[in-house]
C-alpha atoms as a PDB file:
ATOM      1  CA  MET A   1     220.224  -3.463  58.240  1.00  0.00           C
ATOM      2  CA  SER A   2     220.204   0.383  58.782  1.00  0.00           C
ATOM      3  CA  GLU A   3     223.242   1.950  60.273  1.00  0.00           C
ATOM      4  CA  GLN A   4     223.232   3.379  63.789  1.00  0.00           C
ATOM      5  CA  LEU A   5     224.318   6.865  65.199  1.00  0.00           C
ATOM      6  CA  ILE A   6     226.395   6.313  68.297  1.00  0.00           C
ATOM      7  CA  ASP A   7     228.214   9.076  69.921  1.00  0.00           C
ATOM      8  CA  ASP A   8     231.525   9.043  71.903  1.00  0.00           C
ATOM      9  CA  PHE A   9     229.482   8.122  75.290  1.00  0.00           C
ATOM     10  CA  GLY A  10     227.868   5.074  73.613  1.00  0.00           C
ATOM     11  CA  ARG A  11     224.339   6.565  73.696  1.00  0.00           C
ATOM     12  CA  ARG A  12     222.575   5.737  70.535  1.00  0.00           C
ATOM     13  CA  VAL A  13     220.650   8.467  68.659  1.00  0.00           C
ATOM     14  CA  ARG A  14     217.027   7.272  68.090  1.00  0.00           C
ATOM     15  CA  TYR A  15     215.136  10.610  68.005  1.00  0.00           C
ATOM     16  CA  VAL A  16     215.261  13.711  65.840  1.00  0.00           C
ATOM     17  CA  ARG A  17     213.543  16.795  66.587  1.00  0.00           C
ATOM     18  CA  LEU A  18     213.168  18.468  63.207  1.00  0.00           C
ATOM     19  CA  SER A  19     212.158  22.322  63.064  1.00  0.00           C
ATOM     20  CA  VAL A  20     210.126  23.263  60.242  1.00  0.00           C
ATOM     21  CA  THR A  21     209.968  27.028  60.783  1.00  0.00           C
ATOM     22  CA  ASP A  22     210.911  29.671  63.170  1.00  0.00           C
ATOM     23  CA  ARG A  23     207.888  31.581  62.849  1.00  0.00           C
ATOM     24  CA  CYS A  24     204.758  31.319  65.108  1.00  0.00           C
ATOM     25  CA  ASP A  25     201.430  33.011  65.641  1.00  0.00           C
ATOM     26  CA  PHE A  26     202.031  33.192  69.343  1.00  0.00           C
ATOM     27  CA  ARG A  27     204.792  34.959  71.332  1.00  0.00           C
ATOM     28  CA  CYS A  28     205.249  32.933  74.284  1.00  0.00           C
ATOM     29  CA  VAL A  29     207.067  34.863  76.969  1.00  0.00           C
ATOM     30  CA  TYR A  30     209.603  32.110  77.832  1.00  0.00           C
ATOM     31  CA  CYS A  31     210.175  31.400  73.885  1.00  0.00           C
ATOM     32  CA  MET A  32     210.868  34.647  72.173  1.00  0.00           C
ATOM     33  CA  SER A  33     210.601  38.288  72.321  1.00  0.00           C
ATOM     34  CA  GLU A  34     207.643  40.360  71.522  1.00  0.00           C
ATOM     35  CA  GLU A  35     209.086  41.928  68.433  1.00  0.00           C
ATOM     36  CA  MET A  36     210.834  39.202  66.556  1.00  0.00           C
ATOM     37  CA  THR A  37     212.714  39.165  63.305  1.00  0.00           C
ATOM     38  CA  PHE A  38     212.501  36.060  61.403  1.00  0.00           C
ATOM     39  CA  LEU A  39     214.480  34.354  58.740  1.00  0.00           C
ATOM     40  CA  PRO A  40     214.548  35.095  55.309  1.00  0.00           C
ATOM     41  CA  ARG A  41     213.149  32.297  53.133  1.00  0.00           C
ATOM     42  CA  ALA A  42     216.289  31.357  51.423  1.00  0.00           C
ATOM     43  CA  GLN A  43     217.840  30.428  54.821  1.00  0.00           C
ATOM     44  CA  VAL A  44     215.037  28.036  55.736  1.00  0.00           C
ATOM     45  CA  LEU A  45     215.040  24.526  54.646  1.00  0.00           C
ATOM     46  CA  SER A  46     212.526  23.645  51.724  1.00  0.00           C
ATOM     47  CA  ILE A  47     210.078  21.045  52.180  1.00  0.00           C
ATOM     48  CA  GLU A  48     212.045  18.866  49.818  1.00  0.00           C
ATOM     49  CA  GLU A  49     215.081  19.557  52.028  1.00  0.00           C
ATOM     50  CA  LEU A  50     213.481  18.727  55.393  1.00  0.00           C
ATOM     51  CA  ALA A  51     211.976  15.442  53.816  1.00  0.00           C
ATOM     52  CA  LEU A  52     215.400  14.470  52.729  1.00  0.00           C
ATOM     53  CA  VAL A  53     216.874  15.192  56.203  1.00  0.00           C
ATOM     54  CA  ALA A  54     214.093  12.969  57.624  1.00  0.00           C
ATOM     55  CA  GLU A  55     214.960  10.306  55.313  1.00  0.00           C
ATOM     56  CA  ALA A  56     218.496  10.152  55.857  1.00  0.00           C
ATOM     57  CA  PHE A  57     217.999  10.027  59.655  1.00  0.00           C
ATOM     58  CA  THR A  58     215.582   7.121  59.305  1.00  0.00           C
ATOM     59  CA  GLN A  59     218.199   5.219  57.264  1.00  0.00           C
ATOM     60  CA  LEU A  60     220.446   5.786  60.095  1.00  0.00           C
ATOM     61  CA  GLY A  61     218.247   3.990  62.572  1.00  0.00           C
ATOM     62  CA  VAL A  62     216.276   6.953  63.978  1.00  0.00           C
ATOM     63  CA  GLU A  63     212.816   5.602  65.019  1.00  0.00           C
ATOM     64  CA  LYS A  64     211.274   8.720  66.040  1.00  0.00           C
ATOM     65  CA  ILE A  65     210.794  12.270  64.473  1.00  0.00           C
ATOM     66  CA  ARG A  66     209.196  15.147  66.253  1.00  0.00           C
ATOM     67  CA  LEU A  67     208.019  18.351  63.893  1.00  0.00           C
ATOM     68  CA  THR A  68     208.562  21.501  65.913  1.00  0.00           C
ATOM     69  CA  GLY A  69     209.001  25.266  65.249  1.00  0.00           C
ATOM     70  CA  GLY A  70     208.174  27.932  65.946  1.00  0.00           C
ATOM     71  CA  GLU A  71     204.641  26.902  65.276  1.00  0.00           C
ATOM     72  CA  PRO A  72     204.791  23.963  62.509  1.00  0.00           C
ATOM     73  CA  LEU A  73     201.342  24.596  61.418  1.00  0.00           C
ATOM     74  CA  VAL A  74     201.968  28.135  60.144  1.00  0.00           C
ATOM     75  CA  ARG A  75     204.415  26.446  57.542  1.00  0.00           C
ATOM     76  CA  ARG A  76     203.581  26.336  54.034  1.00  0.00           C
ATOM     77  CA  GLY A  77     203.405  22.780  52.826  1.00  0.00           C
ATOM     78  CA  ILE A  78     203.308  21.056  56.286  1.00  0.00           C
ATOM     79  CA  ASN A  79     200.692  18.591  55.221  1.00  0.00           C
ATOM     80  CA  GLU A  80     202.697  17.640  52.245  1.00  0.00           C
ATOM     81  CA  LEU A  81     206.004  17.425  54.465  1.00  0.00           C
ATOM     82  CA  VAL A  82     204.053  15.165  57.132  1.00  0.00           C
ATOM     83  CA  GLU A  83     202.672  12.880  53.891  1.00  0.00           C
ATOM     84  CA  ARG A  84     206.177  12.497  53.097  1.00  0.00           C
ATOM     85  CA  ILE A  85     207.631  11.512  56.407  1.00  0.00           C
ATOM     86  CA  GLY A  86     204.844   9.392  57.211  1.00  0.00           C
ATOM     87  CA  GLU A  87     205.661   6.922  54.395  1.00  0.00           C
ATOM     88  CA  LEU A  88     209.203   6.419  55.570  1.00  0.00           C
ATOM     89  CA  PRO A  89     210.158   2.928  56.806  1.00  0.00           C
ATOM     90  CA  GLY A  90     211.441   2.159  60.314  1.00  0.00           C
ATOM     91  CA  LEU A  91     209.650   5.101  61.624  1.00  0.00           C
ATOM     92  CA  ASN A  92     207.999   4.002  64.901  1.00  0.00           C
ATOM     93  CA  ASP A  93     206.855   7.226  66.459  1.00  0.00           C
ATOM     94  CA  PHE A  94     206.108  10.324  64.202  1.00  0.00           C
ATOM     95  CA  THR A  95     204.851  13.315  66.373  1.00  0.00           C
ATOM     96  CA  MET A  96     204.587  17.022  66.400  1.00  0.00           C
ATOM     97  CA  THR A  97     204.606  19.866  69.050  1.00  0.00           C
ATOM     98  CA  THR A  98     202.106  22.507  68.273  1.00  0.00           C
ATOM     99  CA  ASN A  99     200.316  25.279  69.953  1.00  0.00           C
ATOM    100  CA  GLY A 100     196.987  23.927  68.810  1.00  0.00           C
ATOM    101  CA  ALA A 101     195.603  26.788  67.246  1.00  0.00           C
ATOM    102  CA  GLY A 102     195.716  25.332  63.989  1.00  0.00           C
ATOM    103  CA  LEU A 103     194.621  21.912  64.550  1.00  0.00           C
ATOM    104  CA  ARG A 104     190.883  22.559  63.586  1.00  0.00           C
ATOM    105  CA  LYS A 105     192.115  23.265  60.120  1.00  0.00           C
ATOM    106  CA  HIS A 106     194.771  20.597  60.049  1.00  0.00           C
ATOM    107  CA  ALA A 107     193.964  17.614  62.252  1.00  0.00           C
ATOM    108  CA  ASP A 108     192.331  15.309  59.638  1.00  0.00           C
ATOM    109  CA  ALA A 109     195.246  16.153  57.128  1.00  0.00           C
ATOM    110  CA  LEU A 110     197.909  15.371  59.646  1.00  0.00           C
ATOM    111  CA  TYR A 111     196.513  12.090  60.758  1.00  0.00           C
ATOM    112  CA  GLN A 112     195.634  10.935  57.132  1.00  0.00           C
ATOM    113  CA  GLY A 113     199.431  11.704  56.430  1.00  0.00           C
ATOM    114  CA  GLY A 114     200.606   9.599  58.936  1.00  0.00           C
ATOM    115  CA  LEU A 115     201.108  11.698  62.071  1.00  0.00           C
ATOM    116  CA  ARG A 116     200.054   9.803  65.176  1.00  0.00           C
ATOM    117  CA  ARG A 117     200.712  11.870  68.176  1.00  0.00           C
ATOM    118  CA  LEU A 118     200.557  15.474  69.072  1.00  0.00           C
ATOM    119  CA  ASN A 119     202.129  17.482  71.700  1.00  0.00           C
ATOM    120  CA  VAL A 120     200.131  20.833  72.429  1.00  0.00           C
ATOM    121  CA  SER A 121     201.401  23.413  74.665  1.00  0.00           C
ATOM    122  CA  LEU A 122     198.828  24.692  77.120  1.00  0.00           C
ATOM    123  CA  ASP A 123     200.172  26.832  80.036  1.00  0.00           C
ATOM    124  CA  SER A 124     197.071  28.387  81.387  1.00  0.00           C
ATOM    125  CA  LEU A 125     193.185  27.832  81.334  1.00  0.00           C
ATOM    126  CA  ASP A 126     192.541  31.307  82.226  1.00  0.00           C
ATOM    127  CA  PRO A 127     191.732  33.053  79.032  1.00  0.00           C
ATOM    128  CA  GLU A 128     193.422  36.427  80.211  1.00  0.00           C
ATOM    129  CA  ARG A 129     196.309  34.933  81.569  1.00  0.00           C
ATOM    130  CA  PHE A 130     196.643  32.623  78.565  1.00  0.00           C
ATOM    131  CA  ARG A 131     196.556  35.847  76.329  1.00  0.00           C
ATOM    132  CA  ALA A 132     199.298  37.311  78.635  1.00  0.00           C
ATOM    133  CA  LEU A 133     201.625  34.329  78.722  1.00  0.00           C
ATOM    134  CA  THR A 134     201.144  33.825  74.787  1.00  0.00           C
ATOM    135  CA  ARG A 135     200.687  37.404  74.093  1.00  0.00           C
ATOM    136  CA  THR A 136     198.589  36.650  71.024  1.00  0.00           C
ATOM    137  CA  GLY A 137     196.948  33.376  71.784  1.00  0.00           C
ATOM    138  CA  ASN A 138     193.321  32.419  72.115  1.00  0.00           C
ATOM    139  CA  LEU A 139     192.661  29.885  74.686  1.00  0.00           C
ATOM    140  CA  GLU A 140     189.302  28.762  73.221  1.00  0.00           C
ATOM    141  CA  LYS A 141     190.763  28.190  69.690  1.00  0.00           C
ATOM    142  CA  VAL A 142     193.572  25.908  71.456  1.00  0.00           C
ATOM    143  CA  ILE A 143     191.076  23.708  73.386  1.00  0.00           C
ATOM    144  CA  ASP A 144     188.852  23.427  70.065  1.00  0.00           C
ATOM    145  CA  GLY A 145     191.812  22.279  68.586  1.00  0.00           C
ATOM    146  CA  ILE A 146     192.521  19.693  71.049  1.00  0.00           C
ATOM    147  CA  ARG A 147     188.985  18.372  70.378  1.00  0.00           C
ATOM    148  CA  ALA A 148     189.465  18.521  66.620  1.00  0.00           C
ATOM    149  CA  ALA A 149     192.707  16.365  66.948  1.00  0.00           C
ATOM    150  CA  GLN A 150     190.690  13.800  69.146  1.00  0.00           C
ATOM    151  CA  GLU A 151     187.830  13.796  66.529  1.00  0.00           C
ATOM    152  CA  ALA A 152     190.490  13.250  63.575  1.00  0.00           C
ATOM    153  CA  GLY A 153     191.670  10.056  65.410  1.00  0.00           C
ATOM    154  CA  PHE A 154     194.612  11.235  67.537  1.00  0.00           C
ATOM    155  CA  ARG A 155     195.126   9.207  70.794  1.00  0.00           C
ATOM    156  CA  ARG A 156     197.500   9.969  73.792  1.00  0.00           C
ATOM    157  CA  ILE A 157     197.547  13.684  72.952  1.00  0.00           C
ATOM    158  CA  LYS A 158     200.167  15.241  75.522  1.00  0.00           C
ATOM    159  CA  LEU A 159     199.757  18.621  76.963  1.00  0.00           C
ATOM    160  CA  ASN A 160     202.867  20.593  77.628  1.00  0.00           C
ATOM    161  CA  ALA A 161     202.844  23.256  80.557  1.00  0.00           C
ATOM    162  CA  VAL A 162     205.859  25.357  81.273  1.00  0.00           C
ATOM    163  CA  ILE A 163     205.472  26.287  84.943  1.00  0.00           C
ATOM    164  CA  LEU A 164     206.422  29.763  85.902  1.00  0.00           C
ATOM    165  CA  LYS A 165     206.476  30.554  89.734  1.00  0.00           C
ATOM    166  CA  GLY A 166     204.274  33.504  90.506  1.00  0.00           C
ATOM    167  CA  ARG A 167     202.817  33.336  86.880  1.00  0.00           C
ATOM    168  CA  ASN A 168     200.828  30.288  86.588  1.00  0.00           C
ATOM    169  CA  ASP A 169     202.062  27.645  89.405  1.00  0.00           C
ATOM    170  CA  ASP A 170     198.634  28.146  91.097  1.00  0.00           C
ATOM    171  CA  GLU A 171     197.112  26.262  88.023  1.00  0.00           C
ATOM    172  CA  VAL A 172     199.015  23.156  88.110  1.00  0.00           C
ATOM    173  CA  LEU A 173     195.923  21.174  89.804  1.00  0.00           C
ATOM    174  CA  ASP A 174     193.581  22.918  87.409  1.00  0.00           C
ATOM    175  CA  LEU A 175     195.584  21.663  84.498  1.00  0.00           C
ATOM    176  CA  VAL A 176     195.794  18.150  85.875  1.00  0.00           C
ATOM    177  CA  GLU A 177     191.984  18.036  86.225  1.00  0.00           C
ATOM    178  CA  PHE A 178     191.477  19.417  82.419  1.00  0.00           C
ATOM    179  CA  ALA A 179     193.993  16.459  81.350  1.00  0.00           C
ATOM    180  CA  ARG A 180     191.860  13.927  83.430  1.00  0.00           C
ATOM    181  CA  ARG A 181     188.544  15.361  81.900  1.00  0.00           C
ATOM    182  CA  GLU A 182     189.781  15.346  78.526  1.00  0.00           C
ATOM    183  CA  GLY A 183     191.383  12.111  78.447  1.00  0.00           C
ATOM    184  CA  VAL A 184     194.939  13.242  77.612  1.00  0.00           C
ATOM    185  CA  ASP A 185     198.468  13.155  79.248  1.00  0.00           C
ATOM    186  CA  ILE A 186     200.047  16.172  80.553  1.00  0.00           C
ATOM    187  CA  SER A 187     203.851  16.914  81.102  1.00  0.00           C
ATOM    188  CA  PHE A 188     204.972  19.799  83.356  1.00  0.00           C
ATOM    189  CA  ILE A 189     208.320  21.417  82.016  1.00  0.00           C
ATOM    190  CA  GLU A 190     211.015  23.601  83.997  1.00  0.00           C
ATOM    191  CA  GLU A 191     211.787  26.298  81.929  1.00  0.00           C
ATOM    192  CA  MET A 192     215.034  26.340  79.902  1.00  0.00           C
ATOM    193  CA  PRO A 193     217.391  29.322  79.883  1.00  0.00           C
ATOM    194  CA  LEU A 194     217.450  29.829  76.084  1.00  0.00           C
ATOM    195  CA  GLY A 195     217.538  33.440  74.837  1.00  0.00           C
ATOM    196  CA  ASP A 196     217.602  36.683  76.807  1.00  0.00           C
ATOM    197  CA  VAL A 197     213.992  37.269  77.564  1.00  0.00           C
ATOM    198  CA  SER A 198     212.903  40.607  78.899  1.00  0.00           C
ATOM    199  CA  ASP A 199     209.335  39.690  80.068  1.00  0.00           C
ATOM    200  CA  HIS A 200     210.587  38.098  83.335  1.00  0.00           C
ATOM    201  CA  SER A 201     213.595  36.982  85.598  1.00  0.00           C
ATOM    202  CA  ARG A 202     214.175  33.380  85.148  1.00  0.00           C
ATOM    203  CA  ALA A 203     215.812  33.241  88.531  1.00  0.00           C
ATOM    204  CA  GLU A 204     212.603  34.369  90.251  1.00  0.00           C
ATOM    205  CA  THR A 205     210.211  32.299  88.097  1.00  0.00           C
ATOM    206  CA  PHE A 206     211.832  29.053  88.492  1.00  0.00           C
ATOM    207  CA  CYS A 207     209.748  26.279  89.673  1.00  0.00           C
ATOM    208  CA  SER A 208     211.090  22.775  89.951  1.00  0.00           C
ATOM    209  CA  SER A 209     209.544  19.690  88.882  1.00  0.00           C
ATOM    210  CA  ASP A 210     209.576  18.502  92.744  1.00  0.00           C
ATOM    211  CA  THR A 211     207.406  21.367  93.671  1.00  0.00           C
ATOM    212  CA  VAL A 212     204.820  20.750  90.913  1.00  0.00           C
ATOM    213  CA  GLN A 213     204.912  17.108  91.867  1.00  0.00           C
ATOM    214  CA  ALA A 214     204.106  17.914  95.645  1.00  0.00           C
ATOM    215  CA  LEU A 215     201.275  20.160  94.380  1.00  0.00           C
ATOM    216  CA  ILE A 216     199.779  17.284  92.303  1.00  0.00           C
ATOM    217  CA  GLU A 217     200.224  14.787  95.102  1.00  0.00           C
ATOM    218  CA  ALA A 218     198.162  16.670  97.652  1.00  0.00           C
ATOM    219  CA  ARG A 219     195.239  15.683  95.845  1.00  0.00           C
ATOM    220  CA  HIS A 220     196.277  12.688  93.530  1.00  0.00           C
ATOM    221  CA  PRO A 221     198.915  10.261  94.541  1.00  0.00           C
ATOM    222  CA  LEU A 222     201.305   9.509  91.757  1.00  0.00           C
ATOM    223  CA  ILE A 223     202.665   5.893  90.863  1.00  0.00           C
ATOM    224  CA  PRO A 224     205.921   5.752  88.931  1.00  0.00           C
ATOM    225  CA  SER A 225     205.296   4.185  85.556  1.00  0.00           C
ATOM    226  CA  ALA A 226     207.637   1.702  84.140  1.00  0.00           C
ATOM    227  CA  GLU A 227     206.552   2.979  80.621  1.00  0.00           C
ATOM    228  CA  THR A 228     209.274   4.870  78.714  1.00  0.00           C
ATOM    229  CA  THR A 229     209.591   6.997  75.524  1.00  0.00           C
ATOM    230  CA  PRO A 230     212.292   8.081  73.489  1.00  0.00           C
ATOM    231  CA  GLY A 231     211.937  11.546  75.022  1.00  0.00           C
ATOM    232  CA  PRO A 232     212.963  12.930  78.349  1.00  0.00           C
ATOM    233  CA  SER A 233     209.699  12.824  80.179  1.00  0.00           C
ATOM    234  CA  ARG A 234     209.400  10.896  83.611  1.00  0.00           C
ATOM    235  CA  TYR A 235     205.896   9.451  83.760  1.00  0.00           C
ATOM    236  CA  PHE A 236     203.647   8.858  86.584  1.00  0.00           C
ATOM    237  CA  ARG A 237     200.178   7.506  86.627  1.00  0.00           C
ATOM    238  CA  MET A 238     196.989   7.901  88.900  1.00  0.00           C
ATOM    239  CA  VAL A 239     195.036   5.162  90.246  1.00  0.00           C
ATOM    240  CA  ASP A 240     191.702   6.474  89.001  1.00  0.00           C
ATOM    241  CA  SER A 241     192.558   7.866  85.546  1.00  0.00           C
ATOM    242  CA  THR A 242     194.223   6.876  82.194  1.00  0.00           C
ATOM    243  CA  SER A 243     195.960  10.308  81.955  1.00  0.00           C
ATOM    244  CA  ARG A 244     199.585  10.022  82.674  1.00  0.00           C
ATOM    245  CA  ILE A 245     201.434  12.883  84.363  1.00  0.00           C
ATOM    246  CA  GLY A 246     205.046  13.666  83.139  1.00  0.00           C
ATOM    247  CA  PHE A 247     207.953  15.908  84.194  1.00  0.00           C
ATOM    248  CA  ILE A 248     210.512  17.055  82.040  1.00  0.00           C
ATOM    249  CA  SER A 249     213.369  18.604  84.262  1.00  0.00           C
ATOM    250  CA  PRO A 250     216.639  19.736  82.853  1.00  0.00           C
ATOM    251  CA  HIS A 251     217.571  21.519  86.071  1.00  0.00           C
ATOM    252  CA  SER A 252     216.499  19.323  88.874  1.00  0.00           C
ATOM    253  CA  HIS A 253     216.672  15.714  87.220  1.00  0.00           C
ATOM    254  CA  ASN A 254     219.330  16.080  84.549  1.00  0.00           C
ATOM    255  CA  PHE A 255     218.356  13.575  81.712  1.00  0.00           C
ATOM    256  CA  CYS A 256     221.584  13.840  79.886  1.00  0.00           C
ATOM    257  CA  ALA A 257     222.945  10.334  80.802  1.00  0.00           C
ATOM    258  CA  SER A 258     220.218   8.704  78.698  1.00  0.00           C
ATOM    259  CA  CYS A 259     219.943  11.373  75.960  1.00  0.00           C
ATOM    260  CA  ASN A 260     219.160   9.820  72.602  1.00  0.00           C
ATOM    261  CA  ARG A 261     218.140  13.097  70.818  1.00  0.00           C
ATOM    262  CA  VAL A 262     219.499  15.588  68.234  1.00  0.00           C
ATOM    263  CA  ARG A 263     217.716  18.520  66.807  1.00  0.00           C
ATOM    264  CA  VAL A 264     218.030  20.248  63.162  1.00  0.00           C
ATOM    265  CA  THR A 265     216.997  23.824  63.157  1.00  0.00           C
ATOM    266  CA  VAL A 266     214.903  25.392  60.490  1.00  0.00           C
ATOM    267  CA  GLU A 267     218.250  26.759  58.917  1.00  0.00           C
ATOM    268  CA  GLY A 268     219.642  23.231  58.700  1.00  0.00           C
ATOM    269  CA  ARG A 269     221.877  23.269  61.839  1.00  0.00           C
ATOM    270  CA  LEU A 270     222.457  19.869  63.477  1.00  0.00           C
ATOM    271  CA  LEU A 271     222.440  20.568  67.079  1.00  0.00           C
ATOM    272  CA  LEU A 272     224.111  17.779  69.099  1.00  0.00           C
ATOM    273  CA  CYS A 273     222.636  19.167  72.406  1.00  0.00           C
ATOM    274  CA  LEU A 274     220.149  21.891  73.479  1.00  0.00           C
ATOM    275  CA  GLY A 275     222.300  23.403  75.957  1.00  0.00           C
ATOM    276  CA  ASN A 276     225.309  24.272  73.874  1.00  0.00           C
ATOM    277  CA  GLU A 277     226.295  25.596  70.475  1.00  0.00           C
ATOM    278  CA  HIS A 278     228.046  22.610  68.849  1.00  0.00           C
ATOM    279  CA  SER A 279     226.526  22.033  65.569  1.00  0.00           C
ATOM    280  CA  VAL A 280     226.898  21.138  61.877  1.00  0.00           C
ATOM    281  CA  ASP A 281     225.768  22.916  58.818  1.00  0.00           C
ATOM    282  CA  LEU A 282     223.518  20.242  56.968  1.00  0.00           C
ATOM    283  CA  ARG A 283     222.134  22.986  54.731  1.00  0.00           C
ATOM    284  CA  ALA A 284     225.372  23.546  53.111  1.00  0.00           C
ATOM    285  CA  VAL A 285     225.516  19.882  52.413  1.00  0.00           C
ATOM    286  CA  LEU A 286     221.934  19.903  51.123  1.00  0.00           C
ATOM    287  CA  ARG A 287     222.730  22.801  48.512  1.00  0.00           C
ATOM    288  CA  ARG A 288     226.257  21.724  47.720  1.00  0.00           C
ATOM    289  CA  TYR A 289     224.800  17.996  47.005  1.00  0.00           C
ATOM    290  CA  PRO A 290     221.316  18.560  46.183  1.00  0.00           C
ATOM    291  CA  GLY A 291     219.316  15.170  46.567  1.00  0.00           C
ATOM    292  CA  ASP A 292     222.544  13.332  47.677  1.00  0.00           C
ATOM    293  CA  ILE A 293     221.406  11.390  50.604  1.00  0.00           C
ATOM    294  CA  GLU A 294     224.774   9.639  50.878  1.00  0.00           C
ATOM    295  CA  ALA A 295     226.660  12.818  51.418  1.00  0.00           C
ATOM    296  CA  LEU A 296     224.081  13.911  53.887  1.00  0.00           C
ATOM    297  CA  LYS A 297     224.182  10.826  55.788  1.00  0.00           C
ATOM    298  CA  ALA A 298     228.166  11.124  55.863  1.00  0.00           C
ATOM    299  CA  ALA A 299     227.745  14.439  57.487  1.00  0.00           C
ATOM    300  CA  ILE A 300     225.342  13.392  60.135  1.00  0.00           C
ATOM    301  CA  ILE A 301     227.551  10.452  60.993  1.00  0.00           C
ATOM    302  CA  ALA A 302     230.719  12.881  60.967  1.00  0.00           C
ATOM    303  CA  ALA A 303     229.045  15.102  63.582  1.00  0.00           C
ATOM    304  CA  MET A 304     228.298  12.252  66.244  1.00  0.00           C
ATOM    305  CA  PRO A 305     231.516  13.186  68.405  1.00  0.00           C
ATOM    306  CA  LEU A 306     230.330  16.837  68.709  1.00  0.00           C
ATOM    307  CA  LYS A 307     227.681  15.371  71.117  1.00  0.00           C
ATOM    308  CA  PRO A 308     228.798  16.413  74.617  1.00  0.00           C
ATOM    309  CA  GLU A 309     228.289  14.323  77.707  1.00  0.00           C
ATOM    310  CA  ARG A 310     225.835  16.744  79.270  1.00  0.00           C
ATOM    311  CA  HIS A 311     224.378  20.360  79.227  1.00  0.00           C
ATOM    312  CA  HIS A 312     225.060  22.907  82.048  1.00  0.00           C
ATOM    313  CA  PHE A 313     222.034  24.884  82.906  1.00  0.00           C
ATOM    314  CA  THR A 314     221.528  27.162  85.844  1.00  0.00           C
ATOM    315  CA  THR A 315     218.582  28.441  87.696  1.00  0.00           C
ATOM    316  CA  ASP A 316     220.146  31.860  88.441  1.00  0.00           C
ATOM    317  CA  GLY A 317     218.617  33.530  85.266  1.00  0.00           C
ATOM    318  CA  ASP A 318     222.131  33.287  83.454  1.00  0.00           C
ATOM    319  CA  VAL A 319     221.806  32.565  79.676  1.00  0.00           C
ATOM    320  CA  GLN A 320     224.389  30.156  78.221  1.00  0.00           C
ATOM    321  CA  VAL A 321     222.699  29.854  74.839  1.00  0.00           C
ATOM    322  CA  VAL A 322     221.610  33.158  73.247  1.00  0.00           C
ATOM    323  CA  ARG A 323     219.163  31.622  70.478  1.00  0.00           C
ATOM    324  CA  PHE A 324     215.784  31.512  71.550  1.00  0.00           C
ATOM    325  CA  MET A 325     213.657  28.368  71.622  1.00  0.00           C
ATOM    326  CA  ASN A 326     211.823  29.291  68.380  1.00  0.00           C
ATOM    327  CA  MET A 327     215.127  29.066  66.702  1.00  0.00           C
ATOM    328  CA  THR A 328     216.089  25.874  68.086  1.00  0.00           C
ATOM    329  CA  GLY A 329     213.031  24.013  67.740  1.00  0.00           C
ATOM    330  CA  GLY A 330     210.756  23.587  70.794  1.00  0.00           C
END
């Protein structure tokens, strides 16, 4: 029987978000600065090292792995990594968060490699606004990517929309209707105070999940769902649609008490909490003991006491964590 990762508060870690790159072909305003300096290749975990990290976590009882970035689909060798992780025993949920722009190229290979779910970031359905929010993104390419993923066999695709007051909160219902038409789920996310962004004031753009929910319920009454996933979304259903509505609410509905997640950055830092800097350098272990999965597992187990009871995000624009989301793993 596999070992299990239990923190000092009795929470079992079942879910790892594994960043495969800090690079992205978008420059979303809440994620990174317009002018970014990315990591040198030597500081980034190799495909082989990423695969070993994934294997170590599954041997320690982790049931869900999500590949993140940056944008995972710009990472050279991503299809090989997916295939290697997709073969690991004990993995019940293998998924990826993507901006969708590369799905027309990669969807078939991802599905054949064992990936089964996708989260696609989509914050606007207006091409000009989409370009403004992403700085470089092409909306038509993303929508085509979503359809390519459906054609490849992906089911229960989920859209992720970060809602910013005064920027895209007037599109909440349009995004819901799009999800209903496409037969996909959608989660609305409160912006997280990671990195010092210059594009906007987070205090002014904060839009709570309760506000978004009220906008939706004006048209579609929402029924709380008993379904749960290893992630932080609270899900609701609509009586006349298969699409689920989710809310990720790090501010207004703190989900720390049930947190079962850790993150590994592309540099190999094991982050025990999104909202603070407590971490362990797994890259040092990987490179001091190449291929030694037992040494890696020992380092992961030893890190569990660093997992705090909760994060302490604020909505006043204060930045408690200086790393950007692309450095953390979205």
